Each structure stands twice: as C-alpha cells, then as structure tokens.
Protein backbone atom coordinates (compact mmCIF):
# COMPACT_ATOMS: atom_id res chain seq x y z
CA MET A 1 27.74 20.90 33.89
CA THR A 2 29.84 18.88 31.45
CA ASP A 3 29.74 19.18 27.72
CA THR A 4 28.87 15.80 26.15
CA ALA A 5 29.20 14.78 22.53
CA ALA A 6 25.42 14.52 22.16
CA SER A 7 24.77 18.06 23.30
CA SER A 8 27.66 19.72 21.51
CA PRO A 9 27.24 21.02 17.96
CA GLU A 10 30.13 18.85 16.78
CA GLY A 11 28.51 15.70 18.21
CA ARG A 12 25.20 16.36 16.51
CA ALA A 13 26.69 17.18 13.13
CA ARG A 14 29.09 14.23 13.08
CA GLY A 15 27.99 11.42 10.77
CA ARG A 16 25.18 13.36 9.12
CA LYS A 17 25.06 15.19 5.82
CA PRO A 18 24.27 18.89 5.94
CA LYS A 19 20.56 19.61 5.55
CA ARG A 20 19.57 20.42 1.99
CA GLY A 21 17.47 23.40 1.03
CA PHE A 22 13.80 23.17 0.13
CA PHE A 23 14.29 23.23 -3.64
CA ALA A 24 17.27 20.88 -3.47
CA ARG A 25 15.09 18.31 -1.69
CA ILE A 26 12.39 18.66 -4.35
CA VAL A 27 14.95 18.18 -7.14
CA LEU A 28 16.39 15.15 -5.32
CA PHE A 29 12.91 13.68 -4.96
CA PHE A 30 12.20 13.97 -8.69
CA ARG A 31 15.61 12.51 -9.56
CA GLN A 32 14.86 9.51 -7.34
CA VAL A 33 11.38 9.12 -8.89
CA ILE A 34 12.85 9.13 -12.40
CA ALA A 35 15.54 6.63 -11.35
CA GLU A 36 12.87 4.29 -9.95
CA LEU A 37 10.70 4.64 -13.06
CA LYS A 38 13.66 3.58 -15.21
CA LYS A 39 13.73 0.29 -13.26
CA VAL A 40 10.12 -0.57 -14.14
CA VAL A 41 9.77 -3.55 -16.48
CA THR A 42 6.72 -3.58 -18.74
CA PRO A 43 5.07 -7.01 -18.86
CA THR A 44 4.73 -8.81 -22.16
CA ARG A 45 1.32 -9.27 -23.73
CA HIS A 46 1.22 -12.92 -22.61
CA GLU A 47 2.06 -11.96 -19.00
CA LEU A 48 -0.51 -9.17 -19.04
CA VAL A 49 -3.26 -11.53 -20.25
CA ARG A 50 -2.27 -14.09 -17.61
CA TYR A 51 -2.29 -11.48 -14.83
CA THR A 52 -5.67 -10.14 -15.98
CA ILE A 53 -7.23 -13.62 -16.02
CA THR A 54 -5.77 -14.34 -12.56
CA VAL A 55 -7.19 -11.13 -11.09
CA MET A 56 -10.60 -11.61 -12.69
CA THR A 57 -10.77 -15.21 -11.41
CA PHE A 58 -9.88 -14.07 -7.91
CA VAL A 59 -12.52 -11.32 -8.01
CA VAL A 60 -15.24 -13.75 -9.20
CA ILE A 61 -14.31 -16.26 -6.46
CA MET A 62 -14.44 -13.53 -3.80
CA MET A 63 -17.82 -12.34 -5.13
CA LEU A 64 -19.18 -15.89 -4.84
CA ILE A 65 -17.87 -16.21 -1.27
CA VAL A 66 -19.38 -12.87 -0.21
CA THR A 67 -22.69 -13.70 -1.95
CA GLY A 68 -22.83 -17.07 -0.20
CA LEU A 69 -22.08 -15.56 3.20
CA ASP A 70 -24.67 -12.83 2.63
CA PHE A 71 -27.30 -15.42 1.76
CA LEU A 72 -26.31 -17.58 4.75
CA PHE A 73 -26.41 -14.73 7.26
CA GLY A 74 -29.62 -13.33 5.76
CA THR A 75 -31.31 -16.71 6.06
CA GLY A 76 -30.01 -17.05 9.62
CA ALA A 77 -31.33 -13.60 10.55
CA VAL A 78 -34.78 -14.45 9.13
CA TRP A 79 -34.74 -17.75 11.03
CA VAL A 80 -33.75 -16.05 14.33
CA PHE A 81 -35.86 -12.88 14.09
CA GLY A 82 -38.63 -13.89 11.70
CA ASP A 83 -39.59 -12.34 8.40
CA GLY A 84 -41.49 -9.41 9.91
CA ASN A 85 -45.01 -10.75 9.21
CA SER A 86 -47.10 -11.10 12.32
C-alpha cells in the first residue's frame, strides 16, 4: 500500500492552523463578537422614526390582506358547506 499525501499526517496538517484549545476558542469567539459590535452604526432619530413608520405600515397592510383573505375564505366555506343550520 502506498502512502499518499491525504493519508499521511503531513498531508493533513499542511495548510491548516493547529487546533485551538477549548478556552482559546471561547476567547476568540468573544473577541470576534466585540469586533463585530464595534462595527454597528446606531441610526439617527430621523432614521429610527422612518424605519418605525415603514414597519408599522407594512404590518397594517399585511393585517388587512390576511383579514380580507380570512373573510373571503370564510364566506366561500359557508357558501360551499352551508352555515350549519338545517
């Protein structure tokens, strides 16, 4: 049997960093979280109001669509199956 680069220890370790310990990975994770949080940009008051109005408008429109479909399907079900009074 021949020894290939994929099955040899040198072939597997080449190109990869050595595996970190458990606590080192936790510390690295928190460092990366803090680095990402530093990139966060807080919206201005004007942007926040605009985003809030946009979301509320979208929610109201979706509520109206769902209400309309509920009424339509409810009316269709009563028309197909009757209202239950014999």
